[in-house]
Amino acid sequence: KSNRWKSATVVFCSHIYKKNHDVTKTRKGKTEQLLRVDDHDFTMRPAFGGPAIPVGVDVQVESLDSISEVDMDFTMTLYLRHYWKDERLSFPSTTNNSMTFDGRLVKKIWVPDVFFVHSKRSFIHDTTTDNIMLRVFPDGHVLYSMRITVTAMCNMDFSRFPLDSQTCSLELESYAYTDEDLMLYWKNGNESLKTDEKISLSQFLIQKFHTTSRLAFYSSTGWYNRLYISFTLRRHIFFFLLQTYFPATLMVMLSWVSFWIDRRAVPARVSLGITTVLTMSTIITGVNASMPRVSYIKAVDIYLWVSFVFVFLSVLEYAAVNYLTTVQERKERKLRDKFPCTCGMPHSKTMMLDGNYSESDANSLAGYTRSQTVPEEEKQEKMVVHLAMSNASNSSRKRGLKGHVGLRIIQNTHAIDKYSRLIFPGTYIFFNLIYWSVFS
């Protein structure tokens, strides 16, 4: 019985072994025999010694991650695919089906050595495994696909910033093989470049993608085929209108308020002018902090510095008004000291042209006739104004006082302030018309 049970157990275990046999080991042996990887030297390109091997390329752009003005570069994530034929990898197949592999087989065969020209950083995604796919067809055609994120240089021109458009290019080229050994080309022409419809940037509008190709020459190695992925970006202006242009315009308009303030209100006008100047300086500093230190003038610099000049001129305008007012009052004071009693009245008060007299001053001169005043030929020399007021009714006196107050307001406004109220706004509006017509 024991021998019978042992033989039954052996048969049963043998059946289980055959049923659960590791088929991947068998398939691996068949794959190696089909591709004959160990039978060839894959360190050499296909058809070595013959004509250049054509390698077709197509790209699908997954995203434009960022555009940096300070570093002058861009970051792009894309699917890069290569197509070529290597007869060493051909295999017989009755169904004409292709075989697909991951990145482990790539290390055993020849693949094009394409790199990104002017690249700063790049990497192949490796989550959860290396994002590499290799597909081999029975006739030896190969599809090699990778998912890559690359940061490349982009030469930008900021002369029209922020009303500018930028064109950047991602360039692909073989590192070792010249055009005599490897010919890179776009597999389907302009259709070789595909983009995701959801691609968008916060500050830019993506206008178009297009592909080009040309030869690049290196004096020490020779000519190489180079492929270009070019895209044009147009900057959104609304952000800069809110953050730069609109605040600068308000600061310029705020500086004009001082033209309507009494010229003797020195603290009010000086503090307003200094505040607007400092605010404009802060705006200019903030804009330049987020920009590269270029050696040419940008469009935003023109607007901000012209606005700064307008604000600064409003401060200088009040300095001129205050100086001229001081000079005028000094001359009047000298005249009063030189001719203290010219009216013939022991307690009379002389009232100067600036209108600084009150109602009591006017009433104190009421009743004096023309004969009691200075003779006519001495009026211009002594520069004194006297008022001859009769004892009119209360209504007439009120009307006279109203006219006196209005005259005082007019006289307290310097002529420079009057002209500045028109010249400053008119000139700034004219500048804006020219600026937006040229740069927009």
Protein backbone atom coordinates (compact mmCIF):
# COMPACT_ATOMS: atom_id res chain seq x y z
CA LYS A 1 0.00 0.00 0.00
CA SER A 2 2.80 2.35 0.90
CA ASN A 3 4.44 1.85 -2.52
CA ARG A 4 1.10 2.46 -4.16
CA TRP A 5 0.65 5.76 -2.27
CA LYS A 6 4.18 6.91 -3.15
CA SER A 7 3.68 6.30 -6.86
CA ALA A 8 0.35 8.16 -6.78
CA THR A 9 1.98 11.12 -5.03
CA VAL A 10 4.78 11.32 -7.62
CA VAL A 11 2.28 11.29 -10.49
CA PHE A 12 0.19 14.00 -8.83
CA CYS A 13 3.21 16.26 -8.14
CA SER A 14 4.46 15.77 -11.68
CA HIS A 15 1.06 16.86 -12.98
CA ILE A 16 1.11 19.95 -10.76
CA TYR A 17 4.65 20.90 -11.94
CA LYS A 18 3.66 20.65 -15.57
CA LYS A 19 0.56 22.77 -14.99
CA ASN A 20 2.38 25.56 -13.09
CA HIS A 21 5.54 25.63 -15.19
CA ASP A 22 7.10 29.15 -15.48
CA VAL A 23 6.16 30.08 -19.04
CA THR A 24 8.10 33.41 -18.86
CA LYS A 25 11.36 31.46 -18.81
CA THR A 26 10.36 29.58 -21.90
CA ARG A 27 9.19 32.80 -23.58
CA LYS A 28 12.47 34.48 -22.73
CA GLY A 29 14.36 31.78 -24.47
CA LYS A 30 12.12 32.09 -27.52
CA THR A 31 12.51 35.89 -27.54
CA GLU A 32 16.28 35.73 -27.48
CA GLN A 33 16.19 33.24 -30.32
CA LEU A 34 13.79 35.41 -32.34
CA LEU A 35 15.64 38.74 -31.93
CA ARG A 36 19.11 37.19 -31.93
CA VAL A 37 20.37 39.92 -29.60
CA ASP A 38 23.51 38.01 -28.70
CA ASP A 39 24.39 37.22 -32.30
CA HIS A 40 25.14 40.82 -33.35
CA ASP A 41 27.30 43.70 -32.23
CA PHE A 42 24.75 46.37 -31.39
CA THR A 43 27.41 48.93 -30.54
CA MET A 44 27.50 49.67 -34.29
CA ARG A 45 24.69 51.41 -36.11
CA PRO A 46 22.48 49.43 -38.52
CA ALA A 47 23.97 49.01 -42.02
CA PHE A 48 27.36 50.16 -40.82
CA GLY A 49 29.58 51.22 -43.70
CA GLY A 50 26.59 51.88 -45.95
CA PRO A 51 24.43 54.96 -46.47
CA ALA A 52 23.09 57.00 -43.58
CA ILE A 53 20.31 55.33 -41.64
CA PRO A 54 17.09 57.39 -41.69
CA VAL A 55 15.56 57.97 -38.26
CA GLY A 56 12.09 59.47 -38.24
CA VAL A 57 10.95 61.53 -35.25
CA ASP A 58 7.58 62.66 -33.99
CA VAL A 59 6.70 64.49 -30.79
CA GLN A 60 3.59 64.90 -28.71
CA VAL A 61 3.77 67.86 -26.34
CA GLU A 62 2.03 67.03 -23.09
CA SER A 63 2.50 70.35 -21.29
CA LEU A 64 4.40 73.61 -21.18
CA ASP A 65 5.20 73.74 -17.50
CA SER A 66 6.75 77.18 -17.12
CA ILE A 67 8.32 80.16 -18.88
CA SER A 68 10.97 82.05 -16.92
CA GLU A 69 11.93 85.58 -18.00
CA VAL A 70 14.64 85.86 -15.36
CA ASP A 71 16.44 82.64 -16.42
CA MET A 72 15.36 82.94 -20.07
CA ASP A 73 14.26 79.32 -20.36
CA PHE A 74 11.17 77.14 -20.62
CA THR A 75 10.20 73.72 -19.31
CA MET A 76 8.31 71.25 -21.48
CA THR A 77 7.06 67.70 -20.97
CA LEU A 78 6.75 65.62 -24.14
CA TYR A 79 6.60 62.16 -25.67
CA LEU A 80 9.60 61.67 -27.97
CA ARG A 81 9.33 58.84 -30.49
CA HIS A 82 11.96 57.49 -32.92
CA TYR A 83 11.35 55.27 -35.96
CA TRP A 84 14.06 53.33 -37.80
CA LYS A 85 14.76 49.94 -39.30
CA ASP A 86 17.33 47.49 -37.95
CA GLU A 87 17.32 44.23 -39.90
CA ARG A 88 19.29 42.59 -37.12
CA LEU A 89 16.09 42.67 -35.03
CA SER A 90 13.83 41.11 -37.69
CA PHE A 91 12.12 37.86 -36.78
CA PRO A 92 9.78 35.40 -38.51
CA SER A 93 6.12 35.75 -37.67
CA THR A 94 3.01 34.16 -39.14
CA THR A 95 0.67 36.75 -37.63
CA ASN A 96 2.90 39.79 -38.37
CA ASN A 97 2.41 40.96 -34.79
CA SER A 98 4.93 43.25 -33.13
CA MET A 99 6.62 42.65 -29.81
CA THR A 100 6.65 45.34 -27.12
CA PHE A 101 9.34 45.69 -24.45
CA ASP A 102 10.23 48.10 -21.68
CA GLY A 103 13.51 49.90 -21.04
CA ARG A 104 15.50 46.80 -20.11
CA LEU A 105 15.95 45.70 -23.72
CA VAL A 106 17.03 49.21 -24.77
CA LYS A 107 20.38 48.68 -23.07
CA LYS A 108 21.11 45.65 -25.27
CA ILE A 109 20.41 47.07 -28.73
CA TRP A 110 21.36 50.13 -30.77
CA VAL A 111 19.18 53.24 -30.37
CA PRO A 112 19.66 56.78 -31.79
CA ASP A 113 21.71 59.07 -29.56
CA VAL A 114 19.42 62.10 -29.85
CA PHE A 115 19.98 64.92 -27.36
CA PHE A 116 18.45 68.37 -26.76
CA VAL A 117 20.60 71.27 -27.90
CA HIS A 118 20.83 74.19 -25.42
CA SER A 119 19.24 72.01 -22.74
CA LYS A 120 19.83 73.00 -19.13
CA ARG A 121 18.13 70.09 -17.39
CA SER A 122 16.25 67.03 -18.63
CA PHE A 123 15.18 63.66 -17.32
CA ILE A 124 13.16 60.60 -18.30
CA HIS A 125 10.22 59.97 -16.01
CA ASP A 126 10.67 56.88 -13.88
CA THR A 127 7.43 56.59 -11.91
CA THR A 128 6.45 53.87 -11.37
CA THR A 129 9.01 52.45 -13.81
CA ASP A 130 11.11 54.05 -16.54
CA ASN A 131 8.69 55.60 -19.04
CA ILE A 132 10.34 53.90 -22.02
CA MET A 133 8.69 51.72 -24.63
CA LEU A 134 10.32 49.67 -27.39
CA ARG A 135 8.23 48.02 -30.10
CA VAL A 136 9.83 45.70 -32.68
CA PHE A 137 8.09 44.57 -35.87
CA PRO A 138 8.87 41.36 -37.77
CA ASP A 139 10.56 43.21 -40.66
CA GLY A 140 12.97 44.94 -38.29
CA HIS A 141 11.20 48.29 -37.95
CA VAL A 142 11.53 49.74 -34.45
CA LEU A 143 9.48 52.26 -32.48
CA TYR A 144 11.29 53.79 -29.52
CA SER A 145 9.24 56.10 -27.24
CA MET A 146 10.17 58.06 -24.11
CA ARG A 147 8.41 60.51 -21.80
CA ILE A 148 10.80 63.38 -21.06
CA THR A 149 10.76 66.69 -19.21
CA VAL A 150 13.32 69.15 -20.53
CA THR A 151 14.32 72.68 -19.54
CA ALA A 152 15.92 74.49 -22.47
CA MET A 153 17.24 77.96 -23.16
CA CYS A 154 15.07 80.50 -24.94
CA ASN A 155 16.58 83.77 -26.16
CA MET A 156 13.96 86.40 -25.38
CA ASP A 157 13.72 90.00 -26.53
CA PHE A 158 12.15 92.26 -23.89
CA SER A 159 12.31 95.54 -25.81
CA ARG A 160 8.49 95.54 -26.06
CA PHE A 161 7.80 93.97 -22.64
CA PRO A 162 5.02 93.47 -21.51
CA LEU A 163 3.46 94.02 -24.93
CA ASP A 164 5.75 91.43 -26.48
CA SER A 165 5.63 88.08 -28.26
CA GLN A 166 8.30 85.44 -27.76
CA THR A 167 9.37 82.56 -30.02
CA CYS A 168 11.16 79.63 -28.39
CA SER A 169 12.59 76.46 -29.92
CA LEU A 170 13.42 72.99 -28.67
CA GLU A 171 16.23 71.55 -30.83
CA LEU A 172 16.99 67.83 -31.34
CA GLU A 173 20.21 66.49 -32.79
CA SER A 174 22.36 63.36 -32.85
CA TYR A 175 25.37 63.73 -30.60
CA ALA A 176 27.81 61.32 -32.28
CA TYR A 177 26.55 60.56 -35.79
CA THR A 178 26.94 63.12 -38.56
CA ASP A 179 24.60 63.38 -41.52
CA GLU A 180 26.75 60.73 -43.28
CA ASP A 181 25.76 58.11 -40.69
CA LEU A 182 22.36 59.20 -39.39
CA MET A 183 19.67 61.27 -41.04
CA LEU A 184 17.12 62.77 -38.64
CA TYR A 185 13.84 63.91 -40.19
CA TRP A 186 10.28 64.64 -39.17
CA LYS A 187 8.38 61.45 -39.88
CA ASN A 188 5.14 63.07 -41.04
CA GLY A 189 6.22 66.61 -41.81
CA ASN A 190 4.21 69.23 -39.92
CA GLU A 191 1.89 66.47 -38.70
CA SER A 192 4.77 65.03 -36.68
CA LEU A 193 4.09 67.51 -33.88
CA LYS A 194 0.99 67.02 -31.76
CA THR A 195 -0.07 69.14 -28.81
CA ASP A 196 -2.54 68.64 -26.02
CA GLU A 197 -5.57 70.91 -26.36
CA LYS A 198 -5.48 71.64 -22.62
CA ILE A 199 -2.06 73.30 -22.74
CA SER A 200 -2.27 76.80 -21.24
CA LEU A 201 -0.07 79.28 -19.41
CA SER A 202 -1.02 81.94 -16.91
CA GLN A 203 0.84 84.83 -18.52
CA PHE A 204 1.00 83.72 -22.17
CA LEU A 205 -1.29 82.83 -25.01
CA ILE A 206 0.13 79.99 -27.12
CA GLN A 207 -0.38 81.10 -30.71
CA LYS A 208 1.12 78.26 -32.73
CA PHE A 209 3.49 75.27 -32.82
CA HIS A 210 5.47 74.37 -35.94
CA THR A 211 8.40 72.19 -36.96
CA THR A 212 11.49 72.91 -39.06
CA SER A 213 14.79 71.19 -39.83
CA ARG A 214 18.21 72.25 -41.02
CA LEU A 215 21.87 71.31 -40.94
CA ALA A 216 24.16 72.40 -38.10
CA PHE A 217 27.91 72.63 -38.62
CA TYR A 218 30.65 72.09 -36.05
CA SER A 219 34.16 72.91 -37.17
CA SER A 220 35.73 69.94 -35.40
CA THR A 221 33.22 67.18 -36.19
CA GLY A 222 31.14 68.09 -39.26
CA TRP A 223 27.51 68.50 -40.30
CA TYR A 224 24.54 67.24 -38.28
CA ASN A 225 20.81 67.09 -38.91
CA ARG A 226 18.94 69.26 -36.43
CA LEU A 227 15.18 69.29 -35.81
CA TYR A 228 13.33 72.28 -34.33
CA ILE A 229 10.11 72.45 -32.34
CA SER A 230 9.18 76.13 -32.40
CA PHE A 231 6.26 77.80 -30.63
CA THR A 232 5.14 81.42 -30.41
CA LEU A 233 3.83 82.95 -27.19
CA ARG A 234 1.98 86.24 -26.77
CA ARG A 235 1.91 87.77 -23.30
CA HIS A 236 -1.38 88.58 -21.58
CA ILE A 237 -1.46 92.32 -20.89
CA PHE A 238 -4.35 92.46 -18.40
CA PHE A 239 -2.19 91.41 -15.43
CA PHE A 240 0.29 94.22 -16.09
CA LEU A 241 -2.50 96.73 -16.61
CA LEU A 242 -3.74 96.01 -13.08
CA GLN A 243 -0.35 95.70 -11.40
CA THR A 244 1.77 98.31 -13.19
CA TYR A 245 0.12 100.67 -15.65
CA PHE A 246 -3.03 101.52 -13.70
CA PRO A 247 -1.22 102.28 -10.37
CA ALA A 248 1.38 104.38 -12.19
CA THR A 249 -1.34 106.39 -13.93
CA LEU A 250 -3.14 106.97 -10.64
CA MET A 251 0.06 108.22 -9.01
CA VAL A 252 0.56 110.73 -11.81
CA MET A 253 -3.04 111.94 -11.50
CA LEU A 254 -2.66 112.17 -7.72
CA SER A 255 0.34 114.45 -8.13
CA TRP A 256 -1.86 116.90 -10.06
CA VAL A 257 -4.06 117.44 -7.00
CA SER A 258 -1.39 119.75 -5.57
CA PHE A 259 -2.14 122.28 -8.34
CA TRP A 260 -5.54 122.95 -6.70
CA ILE A 261 -4.17 123.27 -3.16
CA ASP A 262 -3.42 126.73 -1.73
CA ARG A 263 0.16 127.67 -2.46
CA ARG A 264 0.68 128.63 1.20
CA ALA A 265 -0.24 125.10 2.38
CA VAL A 266 3.37 123.98 2.33
CA PRO A 267 3.03 120.74 4.39
CA ALA A 268 0.12 119.49 2.30
CA ARG A 269 1.73 120.05 -1.06
CA VAL A 270 5.19 118.84 -0.07
CA SER A 271 3.94 115.64 1.59
CA LEU A 272 1.73 114.85 -1.40
CA GLY A 273 4.63 115.30 -3.81
CA ILE A 274 7.06 113.18 -1.78
CA THR A 275 4.47 110.40 -1.35
CA THR A 276 3.82 110.11 -5.07
CA VAL A 277 7.55 110.13 -5.87
CA LEU A 278 8.27 107.33 -3.38
CA THR A 279 5.32 105.27 -4.63
CA MET A 280 6.52 105.52 -8.21
CA SER A 281 9.99 104.44 -7.10
CA THR A 282 8.47 101.37 -5.42
CA ILE A 283 6.53 100.42 -8.55
CA ILE A 284 9.65 100.70 -10.73
CA THR A 285 11.71 98.63 -8.29
CA GLY A 286 9.06 95.90 -8.11
CA VAL A 287 8.85 95.55 -11.89
CA ASN A 288 12.62 95.39 -12.37
CA ALA A 289 13.01 92.82 -9.58
CA SER A 290 11.11 90.22 -11.63
CA MET A 291 13.01 90.89 -14.86
CA PRO A 292 16.49 90.00 -16.10
CA ARG A 293 19.09 92.77 -16.02
CA VAL A 294 19.10 93.53 -19.72
CA SER A 295 21.18 96.35 -21.17
CA TYR A 296 18.39 97.88 -23.27
CA ILE A 297 15.23 99.81 -22.45
CA LYS A 298 11.95 97.94 -22.20
CA ALA A 299 8.56 99.34 -23.11
CA VAL A 300 7.41 99.26 -19.49
CA ASP A 301 10.53 101.22 -18.50
CA ILE A 302 9.56 104.01 -20.87
CA TYR A 303 6.08 104.26 -19.39
CA LEU A 304 7.18 104.09 -15.76
CA TRP A 305 10.05 106.54 -16.10
CA VAL A 306 7.97 109.07 -18.03
CA SER A 307 5.33 108.78 -15.29
CA PHE A 308 8.06 109.25 -12.69
CA VAL A 309 9.25 112.41 -14.49
CA PHE A 310 5.70 113.81 -14.43
CA VAL A 311 5.43 113.18 -10.70
CA PHE A 312 8.85 114.69 -10.07
CA LEU A 313 8.03 117.77 -12.18
CA SER A 314 4.92 118.38 -10.09
CA VAL A 315 7.18 118.61 -7.02
CA LEU A 316 9.51 121.01 -8.85
CA GLU A 317 6.49 123.03 -9.94
CA TYR A 318 5.54 123.73 -6.36
CA ALA A 319 9.15 124.55 -5.52
CA ALA A 320 9.05 127.21 -8.24
CA VAL A 321 5.69 128.54 -7.03
CA ASN A 322 6.86 128.72 -3.43
CA TYR A 323 10.10 130.48 -4.40
CA LEU A 324 8.38 133.09 -6.58
CA THR A 325 5.78 133.73 -3.86
CA THR A 326 8.54 134.27 -1.30
CA VAL A 327 10.36 136.70 -3.60
CA GLN A 328 7.14 138.63 -4.25
CA GLU A 329 6.30 138.94 -0.55
CA ARG A 330 9.85 140.07 0.22
CA LYS A 331 9.55 142.90 -2.32
CA GLU A 332 6.20 143.99 -0.91
CA ARG A 333 7.58 143.99 2.62
CA LYS A 334 10.44 146.24 1.54
CA LEU A 335 7.97 148.65 -0.07
CA ARG A 336 5.89 148.81 3.11
CA ASP A 337 8.98 149.53 5.18
CA LYS A 338 10.13 152.22 2.73
CA PHE A 339 6.79 154.09 2.64
CA PRO A 340 5.18 153.55 6.05
CA CYS A 341 2.75 156.52 5.99
CA THR A 342 1.75 157.61 2.54
CA CYS A 343 -1.99 157.73 2.90
CA GLY A 344 -2.26 160.67 5.27
CA MET A 345 -4.17 158.61 7.77
CA PRO A 346 -2.60 158.06 11.19
CA HIS A 347 -4.10 154.61 11.71
CA SER A 348 -4.60 153.46 8.13
CA LYS A 349 -3.59 150.02 6.93
CA THR A 350 -2.09 149.35 3.56
CA MET A 351 -3.37 146.28 1.74
CA MET A 352 -1.15 144.59 -0.80
CA LEU A 353 -2.05 142.95 -4.08
CA ASP A 354 -2.16 139.44 -2.69
CA GLY A 355 -5.48 140.25 -1.02
CA ASN A 356 -4.55 139.39 2.62
CA TYR A 357 -6.98 141.65 4.41
CA SER A 358 -10.13 141.05 6.40
CA GLU A 359 -13.52 142.67 6.65
CA SER A 360 -12.40 144.83 9.60
CA ASP A 361 -9.54 146.13 7.44
CA ALA A 362 -11.97 147.14 4.76
CA ASN A 363 -14.37 148.82 7.22
CA SER A 364 -11.52 150.79 8.79
CA LEU A 365 -11.04 152.64 5.53
CA ALA A 366 -14.70 153.39 4.99
CA GLY A 367 -15.50 157.08 4.71
CA TYR A 368 -12.14 158.22 3.41
CA THR A 369 -12.46 160.19 0.23
CA ARG A 370 -10.26 160.26 -2.82
CA SER A 371 -8.72 163.59 -1.75
CA GLN A 372 -7.36 162.09 1.44
CA THR A 373 -5.36 159.49 -0.37
CA VAL A 374 -2.02 159.74 -2.08
CA PRO A 375 -1.91 161.93 -5.20
CA GLU A 376 -2.47 160.21 -8.51
CA GLU A 377 1.11 160.58 -9.73
CA GLU A 378 2.48 158.78 -6.65
CA LYS A 379 0.30 155.69 -6.84
CA GLN A 380 2.48 153.63 -9.13
CA GLU A 381 5.66 154.53 -7.31
CA LYS A 382 4.44 153.56 -3.87
CA MET A 383 2.54 150.44 -4.98
CA VAL A 384 -0.22 150.88 -2.40
CA VAL A 385 -3.88 150.21 -2.85
CA HIS A 386 -6.50 152.08 -0.79
CA LEU A 387 -10.15 151.43 -0.66
CA ALA A 388 -12.72 154.20 -0.54
CA MET A 389 -15.91 152.77 0.76
CA SER A 390 -19.11 154.65 1.45
CA ASN A 391 -21.62 153.85 4.14
CA ALA A 392 -23.74 151.73 1.87
CA SER A 393 -26.51 149.42 2.92
CA ASN A 394 -25.86 146.01 4.45
CA SER A 395 -26.79 144.24 1.28
CA SER A 396 -24.27 146.23 -0.73
CA ARG A 397 -21.60 145.47 1.88
CA LYS A 398 -22.29 141.76 1.68
CA ARG A 399 -22.01 141.75 -2.09
CA GLY A 400 -18.70 143.59 -1.79
CA LEU A 401 -17.41 141.07 0.71
CA LYS A 402 -18.36 138.17 -1.52
CA GLY A 403 -16.44 139.69 -4.39
CA HIS A 404 -13.54 140.30 -2.02
CA VAL A 405 -13.41 136.61 -0.99
CA GLY A 406 -13.53 135.48 -4.62
CA LEU A 407 -10.73 137.89 -5.49
CA ARG A 408 -8.67 136.55 -2.62
CA ILE A 409 -9.03 132.93 -3.84
CA ILE A 410 -7.97 133.90 -7.34
CA GLN A 411 -5.03 135.91 -6.07
CA ASN A 412 -3.84 133.03 -3.84
CA THR A 413 -3.41 130.85 -6.95
CA HIS A 414 -0.14 131.43 -8.69
CA ALA A 415 -0.08 131.75 -12.46
CA ILE A 416 2.18 128.69 -12.71
CA ASP A 417 -0.50 126.59 -10.98
CA LYS A 418 -3.10 127.81 -13.47
CA TYR A 419 -1.04 126.77 -16.46
CA SER A 420 0.02 123.47 -14.84
CA ARG A 421 -3.61 122.40 -14.47
CA LEU A 422 -3.85 122.28 -18.25
CA ILE A 423 -0.31 121.51 -19.41
CA PHE A 424 0.37 118.46 -17.20
CA PRO A 425 -2.84 116.47 -18.00
CA GLY A 426 -2.73 117.41 -21.67
CA THR A 427 0.88 116.35 -22.09
CA TYR A 428 0.36 113.06 -20.24
CA ILE A 429 -2.69 112.18 -22.34
CA PHE A 430 -0.70 112.92 -25.50
CA PHE A 431 2.11 110.66 -24.27
CA ASN A 432 -0.35 107.81 -23.62
CA LEU A 433 -1.80 108.11 -27.11
CA ILE A 434 1.64 107.83 -28.68
CA TYR A 435 2.77 105.02 -26.35
CA TRP A 436 -0.20 102.70 -26.89
CA SER A 437 -0.32 103.35 -30.63
CA VAL A 438 3.37 102.38 -30.99
CA PHE A 439 3.59 99.35 -28.69
CA SER A 440 0.13 97.79 -28.86
